[in-house]
């Protein structure tokens, strides 16, 4: 258990950030699933529109420090290639 006031504050803050980061991570994964579902259905137009939304959400998560830049860049690239292959 934390003894210092600052350590107690950090525990509270870290718990709040964990909730926020978890929600953001979940949101990004949901957007990725929507794009993959559109690709699986073979709907290029829907896949393209959902991809644009998903890409901006992915990059926002990178800016917020939830995901690493290389990870999201790799995912964006792979989704883009799948859409182009339709």
PDB file of N, CA and C in Angstrom:
ATOM      1  N   UNK A   1       0.845  -1.186   0.000  1.00  0.00           N
ATOM      2  CA  UNK A   1       0.000   0.000   0.000  1.00  0.00           C
ATOM      3  C   UNK A   1       0.886   1.243   0.000  1.00  0.00           C
ATOM      4  N   UNK A   2       0.427   2.253  -0.734  1.00  0.00           N
ATOM      5  CA  UNK A   2       1.187   3.493  -0.847  1.00  0.00           C
ATOM      6  C   UNK A   2       1.142   4.274   0.468  1.00  0.00           C
ATOM      7  N   UNK A   3       2.269   4.850   0.822  1.00  0.00           N
ATOM      8  CA  UNK A   3       2.359   5.634   2.047  1.00  0.00           C
ATOM      9  C   UNK A   3       2.383   7.138   1.782  1.00  0.00           C
ATOM     10  N   UNK A   4       2.953   7.551   0.664  1.00  0.00           N
ATOM     11  CA  UNK A   4       3.068   8.967   0.346  1.00  0.00           C
ATOM     12  C   UNK A   4       1.815   9.447  -0.378  1.00  0.00           C
ATOM     13  N   UNK A   5       1.524  10.712  -0.184  1.00  0.00           N
ATOM     14  CA  UNK A   5       0.362  11.309  -0.823  1.00  0.00           C
ATOM     15  C   UNK A   5       0.470  11.234  -2.345  1.00  0.00           C
ATOM     16  N   UNK A   6       1.666  11.492  -2.861  1.00  0.00           N
ATOM     17  CA  UNK A   6       1.871  11.470  -4.310  1.00  0.00           C
ATOM     18  C   UNK A   6       1.685  10.053  -4.874  1.00  0.00           C
ATOM     19  N   UNK A   7       2.120   9.053  -4.108  1.00  0.00           N
ATOM     20  CA  UNK A   7       1.964   7.668  -4.561  1.00  0.00           C
ATOM     21  C   UNK A   7       0.492   7.269  -4.590  1.00  0.00           C
ATOM     22  N   UNK A   8      -0.261   7.741  -3.593  1.00  0.00           N
ATOM     23  CA  UNK A   8      -1.698   7.474  -3.572  1.00  0.00           C
ATOM     24  C   UNK A   8      -2.379   8.150  -4.757  1.00  0.00           C
ATOM     25  N   UNK A   9      -1.958   9.370  -5.064  1.00  0.00           N
ATOM     26  CA  UNK A   9      -2.510  10.104  -6.205  1.00  0.00           C
ATOM     27  C   UNK A   9      -2.221   9.373  -7.508  1.00  0.00           C
ATOM     28  N   UNK A  10      -1.016   8.839  -7.625  1.00  0.00           N
ATOM     29  CA  UNK A  10      -0.650   8.116  -8.844  1.00  0.00           C
ATOM     30  C   UNK A  10      -1.490   6.849  -9.027  1.00  0.00           C
ATOM     31  N   UNK A  11      -1.805   6.175  -7.931  1.00  0.00           N
ATOM     32  CA  UNK A  11      -2.642   4.974  -8.016  1.00  0.00           C
ATOM     33  C   UNK A  11      -4.022   5.334  -8.570  1.00  0.00           C
ATOM     34  N   UNK A  12      -4.593   6.418  -8.053  1.00  0.00           N
ATOM     35  CA  UNK A  12      -5.904   6.867  -8.527  1.00  0.00           C
ATOM     36  C   UNK A  12      -5.833   7.243 -10.000  1.00  0.00           C
ATOM     37  N   UNK A  13      -4.808   8.018 -10.351  1.00  0.00           N
ATOM     38  CA  UNK A  13      -4.650   8.473 -11.731  1.00  0.00           C
ATOM     39  C   UNK A  13      -4.437   7.306 -12.683  1.00  0.00           C
ATOM     40  N   UNK A  14      -3.586   6.361 -12.278  1.00  0.00           N
ATOM     41  CA  UNK A  14      -3.297   5.212 -13.132  1.00  0.00           C
ATOM     42  C   UNK A  14      -4.543   4.368 -13.374  1.00  0.00           C
ATOM     43  N   UNK A  15      -5.384   4.230 -12.367  1.00  0.00           N
ATOM     44  CA  UNK A  15      -6.624   3.477 -12.538  1.00  0.00           C
ATOM     45  C   UNK A  15      -7.566   4.168 -13.519  1.00  0.00           C
ATOM     46  N   UNK A  16      -7.639   5.512 -13.420  1.00  0.00           N
ATOM     47  CA  UNK A  16      -8.479   6.269 -14.357  1.00  0.00           C
ATOM     48  C   UNK A  16      -7.963   6.120 -15.781  1.00  0.00           C
ATOM     49  N   UNK A  17      -6.654   6.237 -15.947  1.00  0.00           N
ATOM     50  CA  UNK A  17      -6.061   6.138 -17.286  1.00  0.00           C
ATOM     51  C   UNK A  17      -6.227   4.736 -17.859  1.00  0.00           C
ATOM     52  N   UNK A  18      -6.156   3.716 -17.005  1.00  0.00           N
ATOM     53  CA  UNK A  18      -6.317   2.339 -17.467  1.00  0.00           C
ATOM     54  C   UNK A  18      -7.714   2.139 -18.050  1.00  0.00           C
ATOM     55  N   UNK A  19      -8.713   2.730 -17.417  1.00  0.00           N
ATOM     56  CA  UNK A  19     -10.084   2.626 -17.922  1.00  0.00           C
ATOM     57  C   UNK A  19     -10.217   3.334 -19.264  1.00  0.00           C
ATOM     58  N   UNK A  20      -9.660   4.546 -19.346  1.00  0.00           N
ATOM     59  CA  UNK A  20      -9.741   5.329 -20.575  1.00  0.00           C
ATOM     60  C   UNK A  20      -8.997   4.627 -21.709  1.00  0.00           C
ATOM     61  N   UNK A  21      -7.775   4.159 -21.410  1.00  0.00           N
ATOM     62  CA  UNK A  21      -6.980   3.475 -22.435  1.00  0.00           C
ATOM     63  C   UNK A  21      -7.639   2.185 -22.883  1.00  0.00           C
ATOM     64  N   UNK A  22      -8.251   1.466 -21.958  1.00  0.00           N
ATOM     65  CA  UNK A  22      -8.946   0.225 -22.312  1.00  0.00           C
ATOM     66  C   UNK A  22     -10.109   0.490 -23.236  1.00  0.00           C
ATOM     67  N   UNK A  23     -10.846   1.554 -22.969  1.00  0.00           N
ATOM     68  CA  UNK A  23     -11.973   1.920 -23.831  1.00  0.00           C
ATOM     69  C   UNK A  23     -11.485   2.308 -25.220  1.00  0.00           C
ATOM     70  N   UNK A  24     -10.393   3.044 -25.265  1.00  0.00           N
ATOM     71  CA  UNK A  24      -9.855   3.477 -26.559  1.00  0.00           C
ATOM     72  C   UNK A  24      -9.334   2.286 -27.355  1.00  0.00           C
ATOM     73  N   UNK A  25      -8.666   1.359 -26.669  1.00  0.00           N
ATOM     74  CA  UNK A  25      -8.146   0.147 -27.319  1.00  0.00           C
ATOM     75  C   UNK A  25      -9.303  -0.684 -27.887  1.00  0.00           C
ATOM     76  N   UNK A  26     -10.361  -0.820 -27.105  1.00  0.00           N
ATOM     77  CA  UNK A  26     -11.537  -1.572 -27.527  1.00  0.00           C
ATOM     78  C   UNK A  26     -12.196  -0.909 -28.739  1.00  0.00           C
ATOM     79  N   UNK A  27     -12.276   0.413 -28.719  1.00  0.00           N
ATOM     80  CA  UNK A  27     -12.882   1.166 -29.817  1.00  0.00           C
ATOM     81  C   UNK A  27     -12.114   0.942 -31.121  1.00  0.00           C
ATOM     82  N   UNK A  28     -10.800   0.975 -31.043  1.00  0.00           N
ATOM     83  CA  UNK A  28      -9.970   0.759 -32.233  1.00  0.00           C
ATOM     84  C   UNK A  28     -10.187  -0.652 -32.763  1.00  0.00           C
ATOM     85  N   UNK A  29     -10.199  -1.633 -31.890  1.00  0.00           N
ATOM     86  CA  UNK A  29     -10.395  -3.018 -32.311  1.00  0.00           C
ATOM     87  C   UNK A  29     -11.759  -3.208 -32.967  1.00  0.00           C
ATOM     88  N   UNK A  30     -12.776  -2.520 -32.460  1.00  0.00           N
ATOM     89  CA  UNK A  30     -14.112  -2.602 -33.046  1.00  0.00           C
ATOM     90  C   UNK A  30     -14.108  -2.049 -34.465  1.00  0.00           C
ATOM     91  N   UNK A  31     -13.453  -0.911 -34.669  1.00  0.00           N
ATOM     92  CA  UNK A  31     -13.375  -0.318 -36.003  1.00  0.00           C
ATOM     93  C   UNK A  31     -12.645  -1.252 -36.971  1.00  0.00           C
ATOM     94  N   UNK A  32     -11.575  -1.878 -36.507  1.00  0.00           N
ATOM     95  CA  UNK A  32     -10.826  -2.811 -37.348  1.00  0.00           C
ATOM     96  C   UNK A  32     -11.714  -3.988 -37.748  1.00  0.00           C
ATOM     97  N   UNK A  33     -12.499  -4.498 -36.804  1.00  0.00           N
ATOM     98  CA  UNK A  33     -13.402  -5.610 -37.099  1.00  0.00           C
ATOM     99  C   UNK A  33     -14.449  -5.222 -38.131  1.00  0.00           C
ATOM    100  N   UNK A  34     -14.942  -3.980 -38.076  1.00  0.00           N
ATOM    101  CA  UNK A  34     -15.923  -3.516 -39.053  1.00  0.00           C
ATOM    102  C   UNK A  34     -15.328  -3.508 -40.458  1.00  0.00           C
ATOM    103  N   UNK A  35     -14.086  -3.050 -40.564  1.00  0.00           N
ATOM    104  CA  UNK A  35     -13.410  -3.028 -41.869  1.00  0.00           C
ATOM    105  C   UNK A  35     -13.219  -4.450 -42.373  1.00  0.00           C
ATOM    106  N   UNK A  36     -12.749  -5.341 -41.497  1.00  0.00           N
ATOM    107  CA  UNK A  36     -12.514  -6.730 -41.902  1.00  0.00           C
ATOM    108  C   UNK A  36     -13.810  -7.425 -42.297  1.00  0.00           C
ATOM    109  N   UNK A  37     -14.915  -7.086 -41.632  1.00  0.00           N
ATOM    110  CA  UNK A  37     -16.216  -7.665 -41.987  1.00  0.00           C
ATOM    111  C   UNK A  37     -16.646  -7.201 -43.372  1.00  0.00           C
ATOM    112  N   UNK A  38     -16.415  -5.924 -43.681  1.00  0.00           N
ATOM    113  CA  UNK A  38     -16.762  -5.391 -45.001  1.00  0.00           C
ATOM    114  C   UNK A  38     -15.904  -6.043 -46.078  1.00  0.00           C
ATOM    115  N   UNK A  39     -14.637  -6.287 -45.772  1.00  0.00           N
ATOM    116  CA  UNK A  39     -13.736  -6.949 -46.720  1.00  0.00           C
ATOM    117  C   UNK A  39     -14.204  -8.382 -46.958  1.00  0.00           C
ATOM    118  N   UNK A  40     -14.571  -9.072 -45.884  1.00  0.00           N
ATOM    119  CA  UNK A  40     -15.032 -10.457 -46.000  1.00  0.00           C
ATOM    120  C   UNK A  40     -16.316 -10.549 -46.814  1.00  0.00           C
ATOM    121  N   UNK A  41     -17.166  -9.513 -46.697  1.00  0.00           N
ATOM    122  CA  UNK A  41     -18.411  -9.483 -47.460  1.00  0.00           C
ATOM    123  C   UNK A  41     -18.171  -9.117 -48.919  1.00  0.00           C
ATOM    124  N   UNK A  42     -16.977  -8.608 -49.215  1.00  0.00           N
ATOM    125  CA  UNK A  42     -16.636  -8.235 -50.588  1.00  0.00           C
ATOM    126  C   UNK A  42     -17.173  -6.880 -51.006  1.00  0.00           C
ATOM    127  N   UNK A  43     -17.574  -6.068 -50.061  1.00  0.00           N
ATOM    128  CA  UNK A  43     -18.124  -4.739 -50.346  1.00  0.00           C
ATOM    129  C   UNK A  43     -17.008  -3.702 -50.289  1.00  0.00           C
ATOM    130  N   UNK A  44     -16.468  -3.371 -51.455  1.00  0.00           N
ATOM    131  CA  UNK A  44     -15.314  -2.467 -51.498  1.00  0.00           C
ATOM    132  C   UNK A  44     -15.672  -1.053 -51.059  1.00  0.00           C
ATOM    133  N   UNK A  45     -16.856  -0.597 -51.440  1.00  0.00           N
ATOM    134  CA  UNK A  45     -17.261   0.762 -51.088  1.00  0.00           C
ATOM    135  C   UNK A  45     -17.421   0.912 -49.572  1.00  0.00           C
ATOM    136  N   UNK A  46     -18.092  -0.035 -48.945  1.00  0.00           N
ATOM    137  CA  UNK A  46     -18.262  -0.006 -47.492  1.00  0.00           C
ATOM    138  C   UNK A  46     -16.914  -0.150 -46.785  1.00  0.00           C
ATOM    139  N   UNK A  47     -16.076  -1.026 -47.316  1.00  0.00           N
ATOM    140  CA  UNK A  47     -14.752  -1.241 -46.719  1.00  0.00           C
ATOM    141  C   UNK A  47     -13.934   0.046 -46.776  1.00  0.00           C
ATOM    142  N   UNK A  48     -14.012   0.766 -47.868  1.00  0.00           N
ATOM    143  CA  UNK A  48     -13.252   2.007 -48.029  1.00  0.00           C
ATOM    144  C   UNK A  48     -13.716   3.076 -47.046  1.00  0.00           C
ATOM    145  N   UNK A  49     -15.034   3.226 -46.919  1.00  0.00           N
ATOM    146  CA  UNK A  49     -15.544   4.263 -46.014  1.00  0.00           C
ATOM    147  C   UNK A  49     -15.241   3.916 -44.554  1.00  0.00           C
ATOM    148  N   UNK A  50     -15.423   2.657 -44.176  1.00  0.00           N
ATOM    149  CA  UNK A  50     -15.116   2.273 -42.796  1.00  0.00           C
ATOM    150  C   UNK A  50     -13.621   2.322 -42.528  1.00  0.00           C
ATOM    151  N   UNK A  51     -12.822   2.066 -43.553  1.00  0.00           N
ATOM    152  CA  UNK A  51     -11.359   2.117 -43.395  1.00  0.00           C
ATOM    153  C   UNK A  51     -10.891   3.531 -43.080  1.00  0.00           C
ATOM    154  N   UNK A  52     -11.472   4.521 -43.743  1.00  0.00           N
ATOM    155  CA  UNK A  52     -11.083   5.913 -43.487  1.00  0.00           C
ATOM    156  C   UNK A  52     -11.361   6.300 -42.038  1.00  0.00           C
ATOM    157  N   UNK A  53     -12.518   5.898 -41.542  1.00  0.00           N
ATOM    158  CA  UNK A  53     -12.872   6.196 -40.152  1.00  0.00           C
ATOM    159  C   UNK A  53     -11.938   5.448 -39.201  1.00  0.00           C
ATOM    160  N   UNK A  54     -11.711   4.176 -39.512  1.00  0.00           N
ATOM    161  CA  UNK A  54     -10.864   3.341 -38.654  1.00  0.00           C
ATOM    162  C   UNK A  54      -9.437   3.866 -38.616  1.00  0.00           C
ATOM    163  N   UNK A  55      -8.937   4.308 -39.757  1.00  0.00           N
ATOM    164  CA  UNK A  55      -7.557   4.789 -39.820  1.00  0.00           C
ATOM    165  C   UNK A  55      -7.359   6.011 -38.929  1.00  0.00           C
ATOM    166  N   UNK A  56      -8.310   6.941 -38.968  1.00  0.00           N
ATOM    167  CA  UNK A  56      -8.176   8.131 -38.131  1.00  0.00           C
ATOM    168  C   UNK A  56      -8.252   7.764 -36.650  1.00  0.00           C
ATOM    169  N   UNK A  57      -9.105   6.793 -36.328  1.00  0.00           N
ATOM    170  CA  UNK A  57      -9.219   6.350 -34.933  1.00  0.00           C
ATOM    171  C   UNK A  57      -7.943   5.648 -34.479  1.00  0.00           C
ATOM    172  N   UNK A  58      -7.337   4.883 -35.368  1.00  0.00           N
ATOM    173  CA  UNK A  58      -6.091   4.178 -35.059  1.00  0.00           C
ATOM    174  C   UNK A  58      -4.964   5.174 -34.800  1.00  0.00           C
ATOM    175  N   UNK A  59      -4.869   6.180 -35.637  1.00  0.00           N
ATOM    176  CA  UNK A  59      -3.810   7.171 -35.476  1.00  0.00           C
ATOM    177  C   UNK A  59      -4.035   8.029 -34.231  1.00  0.00           C
ATOM    178  N   UNK A  60      -5.302   8.262 -33.874  1.00  0.00           N
ATOM    179  CA  UNK A  60      -5.588   8.997 -32.644  1.00  0.00           C
ATOM    180  C   UNK A  60      -5.105   8.196 -31.439  1.00  0.00           C
ATOM    181  N   UNK A  61      -5.322   6.876 -31.486  1.00  0.00           N
ATOM    182  CA  UNK A  61      -4.863   6.011 -30.390  1.00  0.00           C
ATOM    183  C   UNK A  61      -3.339   6.040 -30.286  1.00  0.00           C
ATOM    184  N   UNK A  62      -2.665   6.149 -31.428  1.00  0.00           N
ATOM    185  CA  UNK A  62      -1.196   6.246 -31.417  1.00  0.00           C
ATOM    186  C   UNK A  62      -0.770   7.555 -30.755  1.00  0.00           C
ATOM    187  N   UNK A  63      -1.433   8.647 -31.125  1.00  0.00           N
ATOM    188  CA  UNK A  63      -1.097   9.952 -30.537  1.00  0.00           C
ATOM    189  C   UNK A  63      -1.316   9.964 -29.031  1.00  0.00           C
ATOM    190  N   UNK A  64      -2.323   9.236 -28.584  1.00  0.00           N
ATOM    191  CA  UNK A  64      -2.628   9.182 -27.152  1.00  0.00           C
ATOM    192  C   UNK A  64      -1.742   8.193 -26.406  1.00  0.00           C
ATOM    193  N   UNK A  65      -0.932   7.433 -27.140  1.00  0.00           N
ATOM    194  CA  UNK A  65       0.014   6.525 -26.503  1.00  0.00           C
ATOM    195  C   UNK A  65      -0.545   5.160 -26.154  1.00  0.00           C
ATOM    196  N   UNK A  66      -1.703   4.811 -26.720  1.00  0.00           N
ATOM    197  CA  UNK A  66      -2.318   3.523 -26.412  1.00  0.00           C
ATOM    198  C   UNK A  66      -1.651   2.405 -27.216  1.00  0.00           C
ATOM    199  N   UNK A  67      -1.331   2.684 -28.470  1.00  0.00           N
ATOM    200  CA  UNK A  67      -0.657   1.725 -29.342  1.00  0.00           C
ATOM    201  C   UNK A  67       0.642   2.331 -29.853  1.00  0.00           C
ATOM    202  N   UNK A  68       1.550   1.462 -30.279  1.00  0.00           N
ATOM    203  CA  UNK A  68       2.800   1.919 -30.881  1.00  0.00           C
ATOM    204  C   UNK A  68       2.540   2.299 -32.341  1.00  0.00           C
ATOM    205  N   UNK A  69       3.293   3.265 -32.833  1.00  0.00           N
ATOM    206  CA  UNK A  69       3.128   3.759 -34.200  1.00  0.00           C
ATOM    207  C   UNK A  69       3.332   2.655 -35.222  1.00  0.00           C
ATOM    208  N   UNK A  70       4.392   1.863 -35.051  1.00  0.00           N
ATOM    209  CA  UNK A  70       4.682   0.817 -36.028  1.00  0.00           C
ATOM    210  C   UNK A  70       3.571  -0.223 -36.087  1.00  0.00           C
ATOM    211  N   UNK A  71       2.982  -0.540 -34.957  1.00  0.00           N
ATOM    212  CA  UNK A  71       1.903  -1.516 -34.908  1.00  0.00           C
ATOM    213  C   UNK A  71       0.710  -1.041 -35.726  1.00  0.00           C
ATOM    214  N   UNK A  72       0.297   0.191 -35.501  1.00  0.00           N
ATOM    215  CA  UNK A  72      -0.867   0.715 -36.219  1.00  0.00           C
ATOM    216  C   UNK A  72      -0.556   0.944 -37.691  1.00  0.00           C
ATOM    217  N   UNK A  73       0.660   1.358 -38.001  1.00  0.00           N
ATOM    218  CA  UNK A  73       1.039   1.537 -39.400  1.00  0.00           C
ATOM    219  C   UNK A  73       0.972   0.207 -40.135  1.00  0.00           C
ATOM    220  N   UNK A  74       1.424  -0.835 -39.487  1.00  0.00           N
ATOM    221  CA  UNK A  74       1.385  -2.177 -40.082  1.00  0.00           C
ATOM    222  C   UNK A  74      -0.060  -2.617 -40.320  1.00  0.00           C
ATOM    223  N   UNK A  75      -0.932  -2.380 -39.343  1.00  0.00           N
ATOM    224  CA  UNK A  75      -2.336  -2.764 -39.481  1.00  0.00           C
ATOM    225  C   UNK A  75      -3.024  -1.964 -40.591  1.00  0.00           C
ATOM    226  N   UNK A  76      -2.731  -0.665 -40.655  1.00  0.00           N
ATOM    227  CA  UNK A  76      -3.302   0.187 -41.709  1.00  0.00           C
ATOM    228  C   UNK A  76      -2.854  -0.308 -43.069  1.00  0.00           C
ATOM    229  N   UNK A  77      -1.575  -0.624 -43.187  1.00  0.00           N
ATOM    230  CA  UNK A  77      -1.035  -1.089 -44.451  1.00  0.00           C
ATOM    231  C   UNK A  77      -1.683  -2.404 -44.896  1.00  0.00           C
ATOM    232  N   UNK A  78      -1.830  -3.331 -43.969  1.00  0.00           N
ATOM    233  CA  UNK A  78      -2.415  -4.634 -44.306  1.00  0.00           C
ATOM    234  C   UNK A  78      -3.880  -4.507 -44.699  1.00  0.00           C
ATOM    235  N   UNK A  79      -4.616  -3.663 -43.978  1.00  0.00           N
ATOM    236  CA  UNK A  79      -6.028  -3.448 -44.332  1.00  0.00           C
ATOM    237  C   UNK A  79      -6.136  -2.777 -45.698  1.00  0.00           C
ATOM    238  N   UNK A  80      -5.268  -1.824 -45.954  1.00  0.00           N
ATOM    239  CA  UNK A  80      -5.272  -1.121 -47.241  1.00  0.00           C
ATOM    240  C   UNK A  80      -5.011  -2.086 -48.398  1.00  0.00           C
ATOM    241  N   UNK A  81      -4.066  -2.980 -48.208  1.00  0.00           N
ATOM    242  CA  UNK A  81      -3.763  -3.958 -49.250  1.00  0.00           C
ATOM    243  C   UNK A  81      -4.932  -4.895 -49.499  1.00  0.00           C
ATOM    244  N   UNK A  82      -5.613  -5.281 -48.440  1.00  0.00           N
ATOM    245  CA  UNK A  82      -6.774  -6.168 -48.583  1.00  0.00           C
ATOM    246  C   UNK A  82      -7.898  -5.469 -49.337  1.00  0.00           C
ATOM    247  N   UNK A  83      -8.096  -4.177 -49.071  1.00  0.00           N
ATOM    248  CA  UNK A  83      -9.137  -3.425 -49.756  1.00  0.00           C
ATOM    249  C   UNK A  83      -8.799  -3.266 -51.228  1.00  0.00           C
ATOM    250  N   UNK A  84      -7.529  -2.982 -51.525  1.00  0.00           N
ATOM    251  CA  UNK A  84      -7.106  -2.829 -52.923  1.00  0.00           C
ATOM    252  C   UNK A  84      -7.243  -4.129 -53.702  1.00  0.00           C
ATOM    253  N   UNK A  85      -7.133  -5.250 -53.006  1.00  0.00           N
ATOM    254  CA  UNK A  85      -7.225  -6.557 -53.667  1.00  0.00           C
ATOM    255  C   UNK A  85      -8.668  -6.926 -54.023  1.00  0.00           C
ATOM    256  N   UNK A  86      -9.650  -6.210 -53.448  1.00  0.00           N
ATOM    257  CA  UNK A  86     -11.060  -6.523 -53.751  1.00  0.00           C
ATOM    258  C   UNK A  86     -11.393  -6.227 -55.197  1.00  0.00           C
TER     259      UNK A  86
END
